[in-house]
C-alpha atoms as a PDB file:
ATOM      1  CA  MET A   1       0.122   0.067  -0.296  1.00  0.00           C
ATOM      2  CA  LYS A   2       1.688   3.319  -1.042  1.00  0.00           C
ATOM      3  CA  ARG A   3       1.813   6.198   1.434  1.00  0.00           C
ATOM      4  CA  LYS A   4       0.549   9.922  -0.328  1.00  0.00           C
ATOM      5  CA  THR A   5       3.064  12.406   0.174  1.00  0.00           C
ATOM      6  CA  PRO A   6       1.767  15.400   2.479  1.00  0.00           C
ATOM      7  CA  ARG A   7       0.976  18.373   0.132  1.00  0.00           C
ATOM      8  CA  GLY A   8       3.120  20.296   2.819  1.00  0.00           C
ATOM      9  CA  ILE A   9       6.007  18.407   1.435  1.00  0.00           C
ATOM     10  CA  TRP A  10       5.109  19.540  -1.845  1.00  0.00           C
ATOM     11  CA  ALA A  11       4.752  22.787  -1.406  1.00  0.00           C
ATOM     12  CA  LEU A  12       8.228  23.200  -0.140  1.00  0.00           C
ATOM     13  CA  ARG A  13       9.656  21.561  -2.805  1.00  0.00           C
ATOM     14  CA  ALA A  14       7.506  23.780  -5.058  1.00  0.00           C
ATOM     15  CA  VAL A  15       9.295  26.671  -3.049  1.00  0.00           C
ATOM     16  CA  THR A  16      12.696  25.189  -3.203  1.00  0.00           C
ATOM     17  CA  VAL A  17      12.430  24.978  -6.746  1.00  0.00           C
ATOM     18  CA  ALA A  18      11.324  28.109  -7.379  1.00  0.00           C
ATOM     19  CA  VAL A  19      14.048  29.759  -4.870  1.00  0.00           C
ATOM     20  CA  ALA A  20      17.268  27.852  -6.854  1.00  0.00           C
ATOM     21  CA  LEU A  21      15.157  29.335 -10.248  1.00  0.00           C
ATOM     22  CA  ILE A  22      15.456  33.111  -8.402  1.00  0.00           C
ATOM     23  CA  VAL A  23      19.087  32.270  -7.537  1.00  0.00           C
ATOM     24  CA  ILE A  24      20.350  30.732 -10.822  1.00  0.00           C
ATOM     25  CA  ILE A  25      18.903  33.766 -12.747  1.00  0.00           C
ATOM     26  CA  VAL A  26      20.403  36.715 -10.763  1.00  0.00           C
ATOM     27  CA  VAL A  27      23.755  34.916 -10.372  1.00  0.00           C
ATOM     28  CA  GLY A  28      23.559  34.667 -14.872  1.00  0.00           C
ATOM     29  CA  THR A  29      22.692  38.195 -15.182  1.00  0.00           C
ATOM     30  CA  VAL A  30      25.070  39.422 -12.518  1.00  0.00           C
ATOM     31  CA  ALA A  31      27.994  37.287 -14.199  1.00  0.00           C
ATOM     32  CA  TYR A  32      26.450  38.845 -17.565  1.00  0.00           C
ATOM     33  CA  SER A  33      26.184  42.092 -16.597  1.00  0.00           C
ATOM     34  CA  ALA A  34      30.107  41.978 -15.104  1.00  0.00           C
ATOM     35  CA  TYR A  35      31.660  40.783 -17.995  1.00  0.00           C
ATOM     36  CA  GLU A  36      29.502  43.272 -20.643  1.00  0.00           C
ATOM     37  CA  ASP A  37      31.070  46.272 -18.208  1.00  0.00           C
ATOM     38  CA  TYR A  38      34.198  44.831 -17.259  1.00  0.00           C
ATOM     39  CA  THR A  39      34.999  44.720 -21.468  1.00  0.00           C
ATOM     40  CA  VAL A  40      33.777  47.945 -21.668  1.00  0.00           C
ATOM     41  CA  VAL A  41      35.835  49.142 -18.587  1.00  0.00           C
ATOM     42  CA  ARG A  42      39.188  47.180 -20.252  1.00  0.00           C
ATOM     43  CA  SER A  43      38.614  49.072 -23.828  1.00  0.00           C
ATOM     44  CA  GLU A  44      38.291  52.279 -22.467  1.00  0.00           C
ATOM     45  CA  PHE A  45      41.724  52.203 -20.470  1.00  0.00           C
ATOM     46  CA  ALA A  46      43.453  50.434 -23.449  1.00  0.00           C
ATOM     47  CA  GLY A  47      42.304  53.290 -25.889  1.00  0.00           C
ATOM     48  CA  GLY A  48      39.443  51.699 -27.739  1.00  0.00           C
ATOM     49  CA  SER A  49      36.553  54.167 -29.358  1.00  0.00           C
ATOM     50  CA  ASN A  50      35.912  56.346 -26.519  1.00  0.00           C
ATOM     51  CA  PRO A  51      39.564  56.440 -24.414  1.00  0.00           C
ATOM     52  CA  ALA A  52      40.411  58.267 -21.672  1.00  0.00           C
ATOM     53  CA  VAL A  53      42.331  61.568 -21.697  1.00  0.00           C
ATOM     54  CA  ALA A  54      44.898  62.704 -19.032  1.00  0.00           C
ATOM     55  CA  GLN A  55      46.328  66.125 -19.059  1.00  0.00           C
ATOM     56  CA  VAL A  56      49.460  66.987 -16.942  1.00  0.00           C
ATOM     57  CA  VAL A  57      49.556  71.182 -16.929  1.00  0.00           C
ATOM     58  CA  LYS A  58      52.598  72.486 -14.592  1.00  0.00           C
ATOM     59  CA  ASN A  59      52.481  76.025 -13.427  1.00  0.00           C
ATOM     60  CA  GLY A  60      55.379  76.972 -11.781  1.00  0.00           C
ATOM     61  CA  ASN A  61      56.805  74.539  -8.955  1.00  0.00           C
ATOM     62  CA  SER A  62      52.907  72.849  -9.642  1.00  0.00           C
ATOM     63  CA  GLU A  63      51.692  70.102 -11.313  1.00  0.00           C
ATOM     64  CA  SER A  64      47.777  69.241 -11.627  1.00  0.00           C
ATOM     65  CA  VAL A  65      47.059  65.753 -13.653  1.00  0.00           C
ATOM     66  CA  SER A  66      43.539  65.654 -14.627  1.00  0.00           C
ATOM     67  CA  LEU A  67      41.879  62.524 -16.281  1.00  0.00           C
ATOM     68  CA  ALA A  68      38.655  61.960 -17.873  1.00  0.00           C
ATOM     69  CA  ILE A  69      36.775  58.678 -18.648  1.00  0.00           C
ATOM     70  CA  ASN A  70      33.937  58.067 -20.974  1.00  0.00           C
ATOM     71  CA  PHE A  71      32.295  54.560 -20.402  1.00  0.00           C
ATOM     72  CA  THR A  72      29.132  53.277 -21.770  1.00  0.00           C
ATOM     73  CA  ASN A  73      27.351  50.571 -18.884  1.00  0.00           C
ATOM     74  CA  LYS A  74      26.552  47.662 -21.201  1.00  0.00           C
ATOM     75  CA  GLY A  75      25.396  45.438 -18.688  1.00  0.00           C
ATOM     76  CA  ILE A  76      21.743  45.497 -16.970  1.00  0.00           C
ATOM     77  CA  TYR A  77      22.764  46.942 -13.631  1.00  0.00           C
ATOM     78  CA  THR A  78      23.635  50.433 -12.791  1.00  0.00           C
ATOM     79  CA  LEU A  79      27.371  50.674 -12.865  1.00  0.00           C
ATOM     80  CA  ASN A  80      29.079  52.754 -10.037  1.00  0.00           C
ATOM     81  CA  VAL A  81      32.647  54.068 -10.298  1.00  0.00           C
ATOM     82  CA  SER A  82      34.662  56.144  -7.975  1.00  0.00           C
ATOM     83  CA  VAL A  83      38.143  57.024  -7.631  1.00  0.00           C
ATOM     84  CA  SER A  84      39.928  58.733  -4.973  1.00  0.00           C
ATOM     85  CA  CYS A  85      43.433  59.101  -3.117  1.00  0.00           C
ATOM     86  CA  THR A  86      45.194  60.026   0.030  1.00  0.00           C
ATOM     87  CA  TYR A  87      48.428  61.289   0.972  1.00  0.00           C
ATOM     88  CA  PRO A  88      49.992  62.452   4.251  1.00  0.00           C
ATOM     89  CA  SER A  89      51.491  65.664   3.482  1.00  0.00           C
ATOM     90  CA  PRO A  90      49.494  68.854   2.421  1.00  0.00           C
ATOM     91  CA  ASN A  91      51.848  68.787  -0.822  1.00  0.00           C
ATOM     92  CA  VAL A  92      49.172  66.795  -2.933  1.00  0.00           C
ATOM     93  CA  SER A  93      45.540  67.251  -3.029  1.00  0.00           C
ATOM     94  CA  CYS A  94      43.351  64.819  -4.980  1.00  0.00           C
ATOM     95  CA  GLN A  95      39.209  65.947  -5.970  1.00  0.00           C
ATOM     96  CA  PRO A  96      37.640  62.546  -5.523  1.00  0.00           C
ATOM     97  CA  ALA A  97      35.185  61.615  -8.234  1.00  0.00           C
ATOM     98  CA  SER A  98      32.384  59.097  -9.005  1.00  0.00           C
ATOM     99  CA  ALA A  99      29.799  58.755 -11.721  1.00  0.00           C
ATOM    100  CA  GLY A 100      27.084  56.282 -11.547  1.00  0.00           C
ATOM    101  CA  VAL A 101      25.758  54.999 -14.690  1.00  0.00           C
ATOM    102  CA  ALA A 102      22.017  53.185 -15.388  1.00  0.00           C
ATOM    103  CA  PRO A 103      22.149  50.345 -18.187  1.00  0.00           C
ATOM    104  CA  GLY A 104      22.688  51.373 -21.446  1.00  0.00           C
ATOM    105  CA  GLN A 105      23.505  55.147 -20.882  1.00  0.00           C
ATOM    106  CA  GLN A 106      26.778  56.674 -20.546  1.00  0.00           C
ATOM    107  CA  GLY A 107      28.892  58.472 -18.229  1.00  0.00           C
ATOM    108  CA  THR A 108      32.067  60.427 -17.788  1.00  0.00           C
ATOM    109  CA  LEU A 109      34.403  59.834 -15.068  1.00  0.00           C
ATOM    110  CA  HIS A 110      36.095  63.190 -13.711  1.00  0.00           C
ATOM    111  CA  PHE A 111      39.453  62.882 -11.559  1.00  0.00           C
ATOM    112  CA  MET A 112      41.840  65.321 -10.662  1.00  0.00           C
ATOM    113  CA  MET A 113      45.366  65.379  -8.425  1.00  0.00           C
ATOM    114  CA  THR A 114      47.100  68.681  -7.493  1.00  0.00           C
ATOM    115  CA  VAL A 115      50.819  68.343  -6.533  1.00  0.00           C
ATOM    116  CA  ASN A 116      51.255  71.898  -4.503  1.00  0.00           C
ATOM    117  CA  SER A 117      54.572  71.815  -4.681  1.00  0.00           C
ATOM    118  CA  LEU A 118      57.117  69.143  -6.966  1.00  0.00           C
ATOM    119  CA  SER A 119      60.241  70.112  -5.301  1.00  0.00           C
ATOM    120  CA  GLU A 120      59.169  69.363  -1.393  1.00  0.00           C
ATOM    121  CA  TYR A 121      57.426  66.477  -3.353  1.00  0.00           C
ATOM    122  CA  ALA A 122      60.675  65.021  -4.715  1.00  0.00           C
ATOM    123  CA  SER A 123      62.826  65.492  -1.785  1.00  0.00           C
ATOM    124  CA  SER A 124      60.186  63.658   0.853  1.00  0.00           C
ATOM    125  CA  SER A 125      60.948  60.434   1.374  1.00  0.00           C
ATOM    126  CA  ASP A 126      57.656  59.014   0.825  1.00  0.00           C
ATOM    127  CA  HIS A 127      56.547  59.590  -2.981  1.00  0.00           C
ATOM    128  CA  ARG A 128      53.700  57.109  -2.593  1.00  0.00           C
ATOM    129  CA  VAL A 129      50.113  58.810  -3.416  1.00  0.00           C
ATOM    130  CA  ASN A 130      48.091  56.075  -2.419  1.00  0.00           C
ATOM    131  CA  GLY A 131      44.526  55.321  -4.195  1.00  0.00           C
ATOM    132  CA  THR A 132      41.301  53.635  -4.687  1.00  0.00           C
ATOM    133  CA  VAL A 133      39.274  52.650  -7.666  1.00  0.00           C
ATOM    134  CA  SER A 134      36.191  51.451  -6.658  1.00  0.00           C
ATOM    135  CA  VAL A 135      33.698  49.653  -9.719  1.00  0.00           C
ATOM    136  CA  SER A 136      29.990  48.357  -8.120  1.00  0.00           C
ATOM    137  CA  LEU A 137      27.272  46.890  -9.637  1.00  0.00           C
ATOM    138  CA  GLU A 138      24.529  47.702  -7.738  1.00  0.00           C
ATOM    139  CA  PRO A 139      23.257  46.226  -5.159  1.00  0.00           C
ATOM    140  CA  PHE A 140      24.828  42.941  -5.698  1.00  0.00           C
ATOM    141  CA  ILE A 141      28.678  43.240  -6.211  1.00  0.00           C
ATOM    142  CA  THR A 142      31.958  45.753  -5.325  1.00  0.00           C
ATOM    143  CA  LEU A 143      35.131  45.638  -6.517  1.00  0.00           C
ATOM    144  CA  THR A 144      37.608  47.967  -4.656  1.00  0.00           C
ATOM    145  CA  ILE A 145      41.637  47.922  -5.385  1.00  0.00           C
ATOM    146  CA  GLY A 146      43.852  49.966  -3.901  1.00  0.00           C
ATOM    147  CA  THR A 147      46.744  51.573  -5.655  1.00  0.00           C
ATOM    148  CA  ASP A 148      49.745  54.323  -6.194  1.00  0.00           C
ATOM    149  CA  PHE A 149      48.809  56.662  -8.399  1.00  0.00           C
ATOM    150  CA  SER A 150      52.448  58.760  -7.606  1.00  0.00           C
ATOM    151  CA  SER A 151      53.518  57.291 -11.333  1.00  0.00           C
ATOM    152  CA  ALA A 152      50.813  59.842 -13.173  1.00  0.00           C
ATOM    153  CA  ILE A 153      53.159  62.436 -11.093  1.00  0.00           C
ATOM    154  CA  ASN A 154      56.176  64.160 -13.351  1.00  0.00           C
ATOM    155  CA  GLY A 155      57.942  65.475 -10.272  1.00  0.00           C
ATOM    156  CA  GLY A 156      59.493  62.452  -8.338  1.00  0.00           C
ATOM    157  CA  GLY A 157      56.778  59.776  -8.377  1.00  0.00           C
ATOM    158  CA  GLY A 158      58.137  56.469  -7.075  1.00  0.00           C
END
């Protein structure tokens, strides 16, 4: 004689299948969006169709480095990109930049770093300008990379 499976068990099985499908769809769309945005950002930094534009301006003993990056969000989630830096000296200042770009839209990120005294910067023992680049697909994942921006400074970066 067969025993009937209670309706509650069938309901739990249906919920389990539904949750599994939702997880698969979300992970798949996040992976697709991340791949599309990665290829766009990589091509922009590598000088693609809309390359990043860097400009260095010297004014006496000071220097300003500005960077403008144009990028298109080809993914399906909002893409947020931010750049900032810190330095333990009053010689270097940065204007943090961030841009949030909706899917299918184009955005521009403007970042500026200024060295007030190139001679003092060059004579200091620590030439590092610590920076942070953060890329996120809202609301799922964020990638933050620490880097050294001192190579962009002509007066003595290390």
